[in-house]
Amino acid sequence: MSGFQRSTSERVAVDWETLFEAAPATTPDGMQRSKSIVEFQQLMRQDAQAALRSELDKLIDAADENDKEFFNNEFNAFANLFERFLQERGPSVEWEKIRPPREGMIKPYSDMVSACPKGQEKAFLDKLVVIKLNGGLGTSMGCTGPKSMISVRSGLNFLDLTVQQIEHLNKTYETNVPLVLMNSFNTEEDTRKILRKYNNCQVDIKMFNQHRFPRINKETLLPVATKDPYNPKDGWYPPGHGDFYMALYDSGLIEEFKKQGKEIIFLSNIDNLGATVDMNILAHMSTNPDNEYCMEVTDKTRADVKGGTLIDYEGKARLLEIAQVPKEHVDEFKSVSKFKIFNTNNLWMRLDAVDRLCKNGKIEDMEIIINEKSLSNGTNVIQLETASGAAIKNFDNAIGVNVPRSRFLPVKKTSDLMLVMSNLYELKSGSLVMSSKRQFKTTPLVKLGDEHFKKVAKYLSRFKTIPDMLEADHLTVSGDVSFGKDVSLKGTVIIIANHGDRIDIPSGAVLENKIVSGNLRILDH
C-alpha cells in the first residue's frame, strides 16, 4: 500500500485548499510540470469522495428503518454537490470574458407598465404560484424561531402580511393563487403550527422542505455527525436557496401545479416586504413564453456594493456574486459606475422550464458558495451552498427587469425594521406602500448601534413610539439612547452617547439637522 492511501473511515487532517489549486503547466524555472503532481491531486480528491461516501453510508445504517430512504436521497444529493466541490478548480468565471448585459437583456420596468390589460388580471393570476423562502431563523436579530414570525408592522409578522397580500388578490380577482413556503428543518415545525391560524383565509397554503445536508469538518473533509443521522443538531445545515429547484421538484408539487394549469412561479425572500405580485411582470412572463426566467434587478447604491449583479457571459445572462470575483477585481466589482444594478432575488420563472431542467440534471450546475463557520465547540466546518439566482444561466432567453427600488425592501437589521414600522409607509392589504406625505421617494439611511439596538427586544425598549420620519434623510444613533413619544426627525440627525453617558430624547422633541452628544436624561417625577 502506498503512503498516500488510507482507510476511508480514518479521520485525518486534509489540506483541502491544495486539492483545488489550478496548478500551472510549468514550474517557476520553466520546466514542464510533472504529471505525478496532477495525478496525486486527483487521487486525493477520489480518496476524499470515497471517505465521505463511507461515512454517509454509516449514518444511513444508523437511521430508523422508516427514514433510511429519506437519508439516502438527501445524502445522494449532497454527495453530488461535494463531488463538484472537489473537482472544480480555479475561479468560476474568467474576468476577461465578463461583458455588460447586451441590449435587451435587462428591460426597463417602464416597458412592462402596460403589459397587463385591464380585465385580464384573473387570466394571468390563474397561472401563478407564489413561493416564499422561509428557511431562515431570526437569531441574528435576537429572536428564536423562524424569522418570518418577527412582528414588523401593527402586530403583524412577515407571514401574516404575505397571507394578507395573496388573500387580497384571490378575493379581488376571484382566483386561487397558492402560497408555497420553502422551509428548512430549522423552521418547518414552528411554521406548521402557526399555519393553523390561517385556516379560514382564502389562501391555499402548501409547504415543502429544502434539503438537510451534513456540515463538513474543514480539516478532515468528513461529516461532523459520525454515528447519529439525527444529532448533533449543529451537524446539519440547509444548503442555501439555490436548493429551491431540486427541493421543489423532489416534493412533487411541480406535477401537482402543472395539472392545475399553473405556468409561472414567483419566488422571493419572505423578509423582502417589497416583493409583492407585480401584474405587469406576470403578464409579460405569461405572454412571452420564450423568456423562461426573469430576475428583478434595481439600481445599485453605495449600500448595495456587495450585491450580485447581472452580466453577459459567453452570450448568456449570468449572476456574478462577489464571492466569484478575483481579489484584484473586487474594487472594480463594487464600482457603482461599472456595475450599475444588483439582484433583488425576486425571481420569475416558467414552471415547465424548472421541471425540464430538474429532470435532465442541468439545474444543479450552479456555482458553489463555500461558507466557513465555527461551531460552539470550536470545530471549523464548511457548508456547501448555492444561490437561486445563479440558475439563470441554465434558462433559455433569461432576462432582467430593472424595477423601482420600492420592490426591494428587505428587513435584515433593526435599522430596516425601524423604517418599515415608521410613518414612512402605509399598510394596504398586506403591502407596504410609501406614504404619499413623503416628498422624496427614497428611504432615509438609518444606522443604529449594535450594542443597544441589534436585538429586536432591546431595540423596541428604546422607543416609546417610533419617531416621525417623513422628512428624515439620515439617522445615526450610537450608545445608550432612548426616544420618548411623538419625536420627529428631519434632515440629518446624529445622536451619540459616549461610553458611560445616556441620552433620553424627550417626548415631542423635533430634531432637524442636529448632532446630539454628551449626556441628557429625563427623569419621571
Protein backbone atom coordinates (compact mmCIF):
# COMPACT_ATOMS: atom_id res chain seq x y z
CA MET A 1 0.00 0.00 0.00
CA SER A 2 1.38 3.46 -0.87
CA GLY A 3 1.87 6.06 1.82
CA PHE A 4 -0.98 8.11 0.34
CA GLN A 5 -3.73 5.51 0.63
CA ARG A 6 -5.69 5.24 3.84
CA SER A 7 -8.80 3.68 5.25
CA THR A 8 -11.89 5.56 4.09
CA SER A 9 -13.16 5.78 7.66
CA GLU A 10 -9.94 7.18 9.09
CA ARG A 11 -10.20 10.81 10.23
CA VAL A 12 -7.04 12.72 9.42
CA ALA A 13 -6.33 16.32 8.51
CA VAL A 14 -6.57 17.20 4.82
CA ASP A 15 -5.16 20.39 3.32
CA TRP A 16 -8.33 20.76 1.28
CA GLU A 17 -7.35 24.02 -0.37
CA THR A 18 -4.44 22.30 -2.14
CA LEU A 19 -6.94 19.94 -3.73
CA PHE A 20 -8.34 22.76 -5.82
CA GLU A 21 -5.24 24.66 -6.87
CA ALA A 22 -5.27 25.32 -10.59
CA ALA A 23 -1.62 24.38 -10.88
CA PRO A 24 0.47 25.91 -13.68
CA ALA A 25 1.58 23.76 -16.58
CA THR A 26 5.19 24.71 -15.92
CA THR A 27 7.29 25.11 -12.80
CA PRO A 28 8.81 28.52 -11.87
CA ASP A 29 12.05 27.62 -13.66
CA GLY A 30 10.13 26.90 -16.88
CA MET A 31 10.29 23.11 -16.72
CA GLN A 32 7.24 21.07 -17.69
CA ARG A 33 5.03 20.33 -14.71
CA SER A 34 5.27 16.71 -13.56
CA LYS A 35 2.21 14.62 -14.31
CA SER A 36 2.68 12.94 -10.94
CA ILE A 37 1.57 16.10 -9.10
CA VAL A 38 -1.65 16.27 -11.12
CA GLU A 39 -2.24 12.57 -10.55
CA PHE A 40 -1.55 12.99 -6.84
CA GLN A 41 -4.15 15.75 -6.54
CA GLN A 42 -6.68 13.66 -8.44
CA LEU A 43 -6.07 10.70 -6.13
CA MET A 44 -6.58 12.95 -3.12
CA ARG A 45 -9.93 14.05 -4.49
CA GLN A 46 -11.01 10.50 -5.21
CA ASP A 47 -9.97 9.46 -1.71
CA ALA A 48 -11.88 12.33 -0.11
CA GLN A 49 -15.00 11.40 -2.10
CA ALA A 50 -14.75 7.74 -1.09
CA ALA A 51 -14.17 8.65 2.55
CA LEU A 52 -17.23 10.88 2.60
CA ARG A 53 -19.42 8.22 0.98
CA SER A 54 -18.30 5.67 3.56
CA GLU A 55 -19.24 7.98 6.43
CA LEU A 56 -22.61 8.81 4.87
CA ASP A 57 -23.36 5.10 4.46
CA LYS A 58 -22.72 4.61 8.18
CA LEU A 59 -25.17 7.38 9.01
CA ILE A 60 -27.82 5.79 6.77
CA ASP A 61 -27.27 2.43 8.51
CA ALA A 62 -27.82 4.13 11.87
CA ALA A 63 -31.15 5.70 10.81
CA ASP A 64 -34.56 4.32 11.75
CA GLU A 65 -35.81 1.87 9.14
CA ASN A 66 -38.59 4.20 8.01
CA ASP A 67 -36.08 7.04 7.46
CA LYS A 68 -33.40 5.19 5.51
CA GLU A 69 -34.81 6.10 2.08
CA PHE A 70 -35.09 9.77 3.12
CA PHE A 71 -31.47 9.93 4.27
CA ASN A 72 -30.28 8.03 1.21
CA ASN A 73 -31.91 10.61 -1.09
CA GLU A 74 -30.57 13.53 0.96
CA PHE A 75 -27.04 12.16 1.04
CA ASN A 76 -27.00 11.31 -2.67
CA ALA A 77 -27.85 14.94 -3.42
CA PHE A 78 -25.11 16.11 -1.08
CA ALA A 79 -22.56 13.66 -2.49
CA ASN A 80 -23.15 15.13 -5.97
CA LEU A 81 -22.56 18.64 -4.62
CA PHE A 82 -19.45 17.51 -2.74
CA GLU A 83 -18.05 15.84 -5.86
CA ARG A 84 -18.41 19.08 -7.80
CA PHE A 85 -16.73 20.91 -4.94
CA LEU A 86 -13.77 18.54 -5.17
CA GLN A 87 -13.46 18.64 -8.96
CA GLU A 88 -13.97 22.32 -9.72
CA ARG A 89 -10.73 24.27 -9.56
CA GLY A 90 -9.89 27.89 -10.09
CA PRO A 91 -12.34 30.80 -10.46
CA SER A 92 -15.82 30.04 -11.78
CA VAL A 93 -15.58 32.99 -14.18
CA GLU A 94 -12.78 34.42 -16.26
CA TRP A 95 -12.78 38.17 -15.70
CA GLU A 96 -11.77 38.92 -19.28
CA LYS A 97 -14.93 37.19 -20.56
CA ILE A 98 -17.30 39.35 -18.49
CA ARG A 99 -19.37 41.75 -20.57
CA PRO A 100 -22.05 44.29 -19.66
CA PRO A 101 -25.57 42.99 -20.29
CA ARG A 102 -26.25 43.20 -24.01
CA GLU A 103 -29.12 45.25 -25.37
CA GLY A 104 -32.46 43.75 -24.41
CA MET A 105 -31.06 41.53 -21.66
CA ILE A 106 -32.21 43.98 -18.97
CA LYS A 107 -35.53 45.61 -19.73
CA PRO A 108 -36.64 48.86 -18.09
CA TYR A 109 -39.71 48.42 -15.93
CA SER A 110 -41.41 51.15 -17.99
CA ASP A 111 -41.55 48.66 -20.90
CA MET A 112 -43.85 46.47 -18.81
CA VAL A 113 -46.15 49.07 -17.27
CA SER A 114 -48.95 48.36 -19.74
CA ALA A 115 -48.26 44.63 -20.13
CA CYS A 116 -51.42 43.66 -18.24
CA PRO A 117 -54.56 44.98 -19.96
CA LYS A 118 -57.38 45.90 -17.61
CA GLY A 119 -59.77 42.99 -17.18
CA GLN A 120 -57.12 40.34 -17.87
CA GLU A 121 -55.78 40.09 -14.31
CA LYS A 122 -57.68 36.92 -13.42
CA ALA A 123 -56.47 35.09 -16.54
CA PHE A 124 -52.85 35.78 -15.61
CA LEU A 125 -53.26 35.12 -11.88
CA ASP A 126 -54.84 31.75 -12.63
CA LYS A 127 -51.41 30.67 -13.95
CA LEU A 128 -49.40 31.87 -10.93
CA VAL A 129 -47.75 30.14 -7.96
CA VAL A 130 -46.16 32.33 -5.27
CA ILE A 131 -43.26 30.75 -3.37
CA LYS A 132 -41.54 32.32 -0.38
CA LEU A 133 -38.15 31.33 1.00
CA ASN A 134 -38.89 30.62 4.66
CA GLY A 135 -35.84 28.69 5.84
CA GLY A 136 -34.12 31.36 7.93
CA LEU A 137 -34.14 31.87 11.68
CA GLY A 138 -34.36 35.21 13.47
CA THR A 139 -31.24 34.59 15.55
CA SER A 140 -29.22 37.44 14.01
CA MET A 141 -31.88 39.84 15.33
CA GLY A 142 -32.04 38.16 18.73
CA CYS A 143 -35.24 36.19 18.09
CA THR A 144 -35.98 32.50 18.41
CA GLY A 145 -37.83 30.52 15.75
CA PRO A 146 -38.42 31.38 12.07
CA LYS A 147 -37.58 34.91 11.01
CA SER A 148 -40.98 35.11 9.32
CA MET A 149 -42.57 35.23 12.80
CA ILE A 150 -40.95 38.56 13.74
CA SER A 151 -43.56 41.29 14.18
CA VAL A 152 -42.88 44.04 11.66
CA ARG A 153 -45.97 46.23 11.47
CA SER A 154 -49.16 46.71 13.52
CA GLY A 155 -48.54 43.41 15.33
CA LEU A 156 -48.33 41.52 12.04
CA ASN A 157 -45.35 39.37 11.09
CA PHE A 158 -43.86 38.65 7.64
CA LEU A 159 -46.07 35.61 7.12
CA ASP A 160 -49.23 37.46 8.19
CA LEU A 161 -48.53 40.19 5.64
CA THR A 162 -47.80 37.67 2.89
CA VAL A 163 -51.07 35.79 3.52
CA GLN A 164 -52.99 39.08 3.50
CA GLN A 165 -51.46 40.01 0.13
CA ILE A 166 -52.38 36.70 -1.52
CA GLU A 167 -55.86 36.63 0.02
CA HIS A 168 -56.48 40.14 -1.30
CA LEU A 169 -55.59 39.01 -4.83
CA ASN A 170 -57.74 35.90 -4.58
CA LYS A 171 -60.78 37.80 -3.34
CA THR A 172 -60.40 40.80 -5.65
CA TYR A 173 -59.97 38.77 -8.85
CA GLU A 174 -61.87 35.61 -7.85
CA THR A 175 -58.84 33.42 -8.43
CA ASN A 176 -56.84 30.87 -6.47
CA VAL A 177 -53.16 31.81 -6.26
CA PRO A 178 -51.49 29.29 -3.93
CA LEU A 179 -48.87 30.36 -1.40
CA VAL A 180 -45.99 27.89 -1.02
CA LEU A 181 -43.38 28.09 1.74
CA MET A 182 -39.96 26.53 1.37
CA ASN A 183 -38.94 25.71 4.93
CA SER A 184 -35.74 24.33 6.35
CA PHE A 185 -35.54 21.70 9.07
CA ASN A 186 -34.98 24.69 11.39
CA THR A 187 -38.33 26.34 10.59
CA GLU A 188 -40.67 23.54 9.48
CA GLU A 189 -42.18 22.57 12.85
CA ASP A 190 -42.85 26.12 14.07
CA THR A 191 -44.26 27.15 10.68
CA ARG A 192 -46.61 24.18 10.60
CA LYS A 193 -48.03 25.20 13.99
CA ILE A 194 -48.55 28.84 13.02
CA LEU A 195 -50.34 27.96 9.75
CA ARG A 196 -53.38 26.79 11.72
CA LYS A 197 -54.46 30.37 12.28
CA TYR A 198 -54.93 30.86 8.53
CA ASN A 199 -57.42 28.00 8.13
CA ASN A 200 -60.26 30.41 7.40
CA CYS A 201 -58.28 32.56 4.97
CA GLN A 202 -58.95 32.33 1.24
CA VAL A 203 -55.43 31.09 0.51
CA ASP A 204 -54.27 27.57 -0.30
CA ILE A 205 -51.00 27.28 1.67
CA LYS A 206 -48.55 24.48 0.98
CA MET A 207 -45.10 23.70 2.37
CA PHE A 208 -42.05 21.73 1.40
CA ASN A 209 -38.62 21.40 2.95
CA GLN A 210 -35.29 22.15 1.39
CA HIS A 211 -32.64 19.50 1.83
CA ARG A 212 -30.75 18.81 5.04
CA PHE A 213 -27.04 18.43 4.35
CA PRO A 214 -24.17 17.46 6.68
CA ARG A 215 -21.66 20.07 7.76
CA ILE A 216 -18.14 19.03 6.84
CA ASN A 217 -15.15 19.24 9.15
CA LYS A 218 -12.74 21.62 7.42
CA GLU A 219 -9.69 19.57 8.43
CA THR A 220 -10.88 16.06 7.56
CA LEU A 221 -13.50 16.78 4.88
CA LEU A 222 -15.77 14.31 6.68
CA PRO A 223 -19.20 14.89 8.25
CA VAL A 224 -19.31 16.40 11.74
CA ALA A 225 -22.01 13.86 12.62
CA THR A 226 -20.29 10.48 12.96
CA LYS A 227 -22.77 7.96 14.33
CA ASP A 228 -26.19 9.56 14.54
CA PRO A 229 -28.03 10.99 11.50
CA TYR A 230 -30.31 12.98 13.81
CA ASN A 231 -27.69 14.59 16.06
CA PRO A 232 -25.91 16.82 16.83
CA LYS A 233 -28.29 19.47 15.55
CA ASP A 234 -25.45 21.77 14.58
CA GLY A 235 -24.01 18.99 12.43
CA TRP A 236 -26.53 19.83 9.68
CA TYR A 237 -27.44 22.84 7.59
CA PRO A 238 -29.90 23.97 4.87
CA PRO A 239 -27.78 24.45 1.71
CA GLY A 240 -28.82 27.94 0.59
CA HIS A 241 -31.77 29.00 -1.54
CA GLY A 242 -30.21 27.58 -4.71
CA ASP A 243 -31.51 24.28 -3.35
CA PHE A 244 -35.02 25.55 -4.16
CA TYR A 245 -35.25 23.99 -7.61
CA MET A 246 -34.46 20.37 -6.75
CA ALA A 247 -36.27 20.58 -3.40
CA LEU A 248 -39.43 21.75 -5.19
CA TYR A 249 -39.02 19.03 -7.82
CA ASP A 250 -38.48 16.32 -5.19
CA SER A 251 -41.60 17.48 -3.30
CA GLY A 252 -43.88 16.51 -6.19
CA LEU A 253 -45.53 19.95 -6.23
CA ILE A 254 -44.43 20.73 -9.79
CA GLU A 255 -46.58 17.92 -11.19
CA GLU A 256 -49.47 18.95 -8.95
CA PHE A 257 -49.34 22.56 -10.14
CA LYS A 258 -48.99 21.57 -13.81
CA LYS A 259 -52.23 19.58 -13.52
CA GLN A 260 -53.90 22.71 -12.14
CA GLY A 261 -52.82 24.72 -15.18
CA LYS A 262 -50.18 26.74 -13.37
CA GLU A 263 -47.38 28.11 -15.55
CA ILE A 264 -45.45 30.82 -13.68
CA ILE A 265 -43.53 30.79 -10.38
CA PHE A 266 -42.77 33.98 -8.46
CA LEU A 267 -40.02 33.29 -5.91
CA SER A 268 -38.76 35.75 -3.30
CA ASN A 269 -37.42 36.07 0.24
CA ILE A 270 -40.16 36.27 2.83
CA ASP A 271 -38.35 39.12 4.59
CA ASN A 272 -38.46 41.33 1.46
CA LEU A 273 -41.59 43.37 2.09
CA GLY A 274 -41.38 44.89 -1.39
CA ALA A 275 -41.68 41.51 -3.14
CA THR A 276 -45.39 41.59 -3.92
CA VAL A 277 -47.07 40.12 -7.01
CA ASP A 278 -46.50 42.52 -9.91
CA MET A 279 -49.23 42.17 -12.51
CA ASN A 280 -47.14 43.64 -15.33
CA ILE A 281 -44.18 41.29 -14.90
CA LEU A 282 -46.61 38.38 -14.54
CA ALA A 283 -48.34 39.40 -17.77
CA HIS A 284 -45.00 39.65 -19.58
CA MET A 285 -43.95 36.17 -18.44
CA SER A 286 -47.34 34.74 -19.40
CA THR A 287 -47.40 36.24 -22.89
CA ASN A 288 -43.69 35.76 -23.68
CA PRO A 289 -43.09 32.04 -23.08
CA ASP A 290 -39.66 32.25 -24.76
CA ASN A 291 -38.44 34.20 -21.71
CA GLU A 292 -38.15 31.27 -19.30
CA TYR A 293 -36.68 33.32 -16.44
CA CYS A 294 -36.82 36.90 -15.23
CA MET A 295 -34.65 38.38 -12.48
CA GLU A 296 -35.74 41.65 -10.91
CA VAL A 297 -32.76 43.98 -10.55
CA THR A 298 -32.62 47.54 -9.29
CA ASP A 299 -30.16 50.40 -9.37
CA LYS A 300 -27.18 49.95 -7.09
CA THR A 301 -26.36 52.47 -4.37
CA ARG A 302 -23.30 52.61 -2.12
CA ALA A 303 -25.20 50.47 0.38
CA ASP A 304 -25.51 47.67 -2.22
CA VAL A 305 -21.93 47.38 -3.49
CA LYS A 306 -21.63 43.74 -2.42
CA GLY A 307 -24.85 42.64 -4.12
CA GLY A 308 -24.72 40.19 -7.03
CA THR A 309 -25.05 41.73 -10.48
CA LEU A 310 -26.31 40.55 -13.86
CA ILE A 311 -23.72 40.20 -16.63
CA ASP A 312 -23.37 38.80 -20.14
CA TYR A 313 -21.05 35.79 -20.03
CA GLU A 314 -20.37 33.91 -23.22
CA GLY A 315 -23.65 35.10 -24.68
CA LYS A 316 -25.94 34.23 -21.76
CA ALA A 317 -27.29 36.11 -18.76
CA ARG A 318 -25.36 35.20 -15.64
CA LEU A 319 -25.36 36.25 -12.00
CA LEU A 320 -21.97 37.44 -10.75
CA GLU A 321 -21.57 37.30 -6.96
CA ILE A 322 -18.76 38.98 -5.06
CA ALA A 323 -17.50 35.56 -3.91
CA GLN A 324 -16.71 34.71 -7.57
CA VAL A 325 -14.67 37.86 -8.15
CA PRO A 326 -10.85 37.58 -8.13
CA LYS A 327 -9.36 39.63 -5.29
CA GLU A 328 -7.65 42.03 -7.67
CA HIS A 329 -11.02 42.95 -9.22
CA VAL A 330 -13.17 43.33 -6.06
CA ASP A 331 -12.95 47.14 -6.06
CA GLU A 332 -13.96 47.15 -9.72
CA PHE A 333 -16.94 44.89 -8.88
CA LYS A 334 -18.04 47.30 -6.15
CA SER A 335 -17.93 50.24 -8.55
CA VAL A 336 -21.38 51.79 -8.91
CA SER A 337 -20.33 53.31 -12.24
CA LYS A 338 -19.39 49.98 -13.89
CA PHE A 339 -21.84 47.53 -12.31
CA LYS A 340 -24.93 49.65 -12.02
CA ILE A 341 -27.57 47.14 -10.89
CA PHE A 342 -27.91 44.30 -8.39
CA ASN A 343 -30.12 41.25 -7.91
CA THR A 344 -33.14 41.70 -5.60
CA ASN A 345 -33.73 37.91 -5.54
CA ASN A 346 -37.26 38.47 -6.81
CA LEU A 347 -37.30 35.74 -9.46
CA TRP A 348 -39.93 34.78 -12.03
CA MET A 349 -39.70 31.51 -13.97
CA ARG A 350 -41.73 29.17 -16.08
CA LEU A 351 -42.85 26.03 -14.28
CA ASP A 352 -42.26 23.75 -17.28
CA ALA A 353 -38.68 25.05 -17.64
CA VAL A 354 -37.91 24.29 -13.99
CA ASP A 355 -39.37 20.82 -14.48
CA ARG A 356 -37.28 20.20 -17.61
CA LEU A 357 -34.01 21.38 -16.08
CA CYS A 358 -34.52 19.35 -12.91
CA LYS A 359 -35.32 16.22 -14.90
CA ASN A 360 -32.18 16.46 -17.05
CA GLY A 361 -29.90 17.49 -14.19
CA LYS A 362 -28.97 20.87 -15.72
CA ILE A 363 -30.30 22.91 -12.81
CA GLU A 364 -27.60 21.59 -10.48
CA ASP A 365 -24.84 23.32 -12.43
CA MET A 366 -24.70 26.38 -10.14
CA GLU A 367 -21.62 27.99 -8.65
CA ILE A 368 -20.79 26.58 -5.22
CA ILE A 369 -20.53 29.00 -2.32
CA ILE A 370 -18.13 27.77 0.38
CA ASN A 371 -19.42 29.08 3.69
CA GLU A 372 -16.94 28.61 6.53
CA LYS A 373 -18.22 28.56 10.11
CA SER A 374 -17.08 27.63 13.61
CA LEU A 375 -19.31 25.50 15.82
CA SER A 376 -19.80 26.19 19.53
CA ASN A 377 -17.21 23.53 20.38
CA GLY A 378 -14.61 25.27 18.22
CA THR A 379 -14.79 22.87 15.26
CA ASN A 380 -14.17 24.64 11.95
CA VAL A 381 -16.66 23.48 9.32
CA ILE A 382 -17.58 24.22 5.73
CA GLN A 383 -21.05 24.42 4.24
CA LEU A 384 -21.52 23.98 0.51
CA GLU A 385 -24.30 26.26 -0.69
CA THR A 386 -25.77 27.64 -3.91
CA ALA A 387 -27.81 30.77 -4.71
CA SER A 388 -31.16 30.63 -6.51
CA GLY A 389 -30.25 33.45 -8.90
CA ALA A 390 -27.22 31.51 -10.14
CA ALA A 391 -29.59 29.21 -12.06
CA ILE A 392 -30.36 32.00 -14.53
CA LYS A 393 -27.61 30.76 -16.88
CA ASN A 394 -29.47 27.47 -17.40
CA PHE A 395 -32.72 29.01 -18.66
CA ASP A 396 -33.41 29.96 -22.26
CA ASN A 397 -33.72 33.67 -23.12
CA ALA A 398 -33.43 34.74 -19.48
CA ILE A 399 -33.85 38.47 -18.88
CA GLY A 400 -33.61 41.02 -16.11
CA VAL A 401 -36.07 43.81 -15.45
CA ASN A 402 -34.89 47.00 -13.76
CA VAL A 403 -37.61 47.59 -11.17
CA PRO A 404 -38.20 50.55 -8.84
CA ARG A 405 -36.33 50.44 -5.55
CA SER A 406 -39.67 50.01 -3.77
CA ARG A 407 -39.63 46.33 -4.80
CA PHE A 408 -36.56 45.77 -2.65
CA LEU A 409 -37.48 46.33 1.00
CA PRO A 410 -35.66 43.63 2.99
CA VAL A 411 -35.58 43.54 6.77
CA LYS A 412 -32.15 42.22 7.75
CA LYS A 413 -31.41 44.51 10.72
CA THR A 414 -33.34 46.56 13.26
CA SER A 415 -32.45 49.68 11.24
CA ASP A 416 -34.57 48.18 8.42
CA LEU A 417 -37.28 47.33 10.93
CA MET A 418 -37.37 50.95 12.12
CA LEU A 419 -38.08 52.14 8.58
CA VAL A 420 -40.99 49.76 7.94
CA MET A 421 -42.51 50.41 11.38
CA SER A 422 -42.44 54.18 10.87
CA ASN A 423 -44.92 56.52 9.19
CA LEU A 424 -42.79 56.39 6.03
CA TYR A 425 -45.06 53.52 4.99
CA GLU A 426 -48.76 52.81 4.94
CA LEU A 427 -50.21 49.29 5.12
CA LYS A 428 -52.68 48.36 2.37
CA SER A 429 -53.97 44.78 2.10
CA GLY A 430 -50.74 43.37 3.50
CA SER A 431 -48.49 45.53 1.28
CA LEU A 432 -46.32 48.39 2.48
CA VAL A 433 -46.64 51.50 0.34
CA MET A 434 -44.51 54.63 0.67
CA SER A 435 -46.56 57.39 2.31
CA SER A 436 -47.91 59.99 -0.09
CA LYS A 437 -46.90 62.59 2.51
CA ARG A 438 -43.18 61.97 1.93
CA GLN A 439 -41.81 64.37 -0.66
CA PHE A 440 -38.91 62.15 -1.70
CA LYS A 441 -39.46 58.54 -2.78
CA THR A 442 -36.10 57.42 -1.40
CA THR A 443 -35.85 56.00 2.12
CA PRO A 444 -33.63 57.58 4.77
CA LEU A 445 -30.28 55.99 5.62
CA VAL A 446 -30.55 54.61 9.17
CA LYS A 447 -27.62 53.34 11.26
CA LEU A 448 -28.33 52.01 14.75
CA GLY A 449 -25.52 50.98 17.10
CA ASP A 450 -25.13 47.24 17.63
CA GLU A 451 -24.79 47.10 21.41
CA HIS A 452 -28.13 48.70 22.29
CA PHE A 453 -30.16 48.21 19.11
CA LYS A 454 -29.08 44.99 17.33
CA LYS A 455 -31.55 42.67 19.04
CA VAL A 456 -35.26 43.26 18.48
CA ALA A 457 -36.20 43.25 22.18
CA LYS A 458 -33.52 45.83 23.03
CA TYR A 459 -34.43 47.92 20.01
CA LEU A 460 -38.13 48.02 20.95
CA SER A 461 -37.29 49.02 24.54
CA ARG A 462 -35.54 52.15 23.21
CA PHE A 463 -38.69 53.70 21.70
CA LYS A 464 -41.92 54.81 23.41
CA THR A 465 -43.18 55.22 19.85
CA ILE A 466 -41.33 55.09 16.53
CA PRO A 467 -40.38 58.68 15.55
CA ASP A 468 -41.99 60.64 12.71
CA MET A 469 -39.54 60.16 9.81
CA LEU A 470 -41.45 61.67 6.89
CA GLU A 471 -38.82 64.39 6.44
CA ALA A 472 -35.75 62.41 7.56
CA ASP A 473 -32.74 61.91 5.29
CA HIS A 474 -30.19 60.29 7.60
CA LEU A 475 -30.23 58.97 11.16
CA THR A 476 -27.24 57.67 13.10
CA VAL A 477 -27.68 56.52 16.71
CA SER A 478 -24.84 55.18 18.85
CA GLY A 479 -24.66 54.33 22.52
CA ASP A 480 -27.26 54.38 25.32
CA VAL A 481 -30.01 56.38 23.63
CA SER A 482 -33.78 56.25 24.18
CA PHE A 483 -36.68 58.05 22.47
CA GLY A 484 -39.86 59.38 24.04
CA LYS A 485 -43.28 59.61 22.41
CA ASP A 486 -44.02 61.61 19.27
CA VAL A 487 -40.42 62.51 18.44
CA SER A 488 -39.92 64.00 14.96
CA LEU A 489 -36.70 63.59 12.96
CA LYS A 490 -35.94 65.83 9.97
CA GLY A 491 -32.96 66.10 7.67
CA THR A 492 -29.73 64.62 9.09
CA VAL A 493 -29.79 63.67 12.77
CA ILE A 494 -26.81 62.16 14.59
CA ILE A 495 -27.15 61.11 18.24
CA ILE A 496 -24.08 59.79 20.02
CA ALA A 497 -23.93 58.87 23.70
CA ASN A 498 -20.35 58.19 24.67
CA HIS A 499 -19.43 55.29 26.94
CA GLY A 500 -20.95 55.86 30.36
CA ASP A 501 -23.31 58.57 29.11
CA ARG A 502 -27.01 58.30 28.41
CA ILE A 503 -29.25 60.37 26.17
CA ASP A 504 -33.03 60.45 26.50
CA ILE A 505 -34.73 62.27 23.64
CA PRO A 506 -37.77 63.85 25.31
CA SER A 507 -41.33 63.26 24.12
CA GLY A 508 -42.47 65.71 21.48
CA ALA A 509 -38.92 66.73 20.55
CA VAL A 510 -38.27 67.91 16.99
CA LEU A 511 -34.71 67.30 15.79
CA GLU A 512 -33.83 68.85 12.45
CA ASN A 513 -30.25 68.70 11.13
CA LYS A 514 -28.91 68.22 14.66
CA ILE A 515 -25.95 66.49 16.27
CA VAL A 516 -26.73 65.44 19.84
CA SER A 517 -23.93 64.20 22.07
CA GLY A 518 -22.95 64.10 25.71
CA ASN A 519 -25.42 63.26 28.49
CA LEU A 520 -29.15 64.05 28.56
CA ARG A 521 -31.52 62.28 30.90
CA ILE A 522 -35.17 62.97 31.56
CA LEU A 523 -36.44 61.69 34.93
CA ASP A 524 -40.06 60.93 35.78
CA HIS A 525 -41.46 62.71 38.85
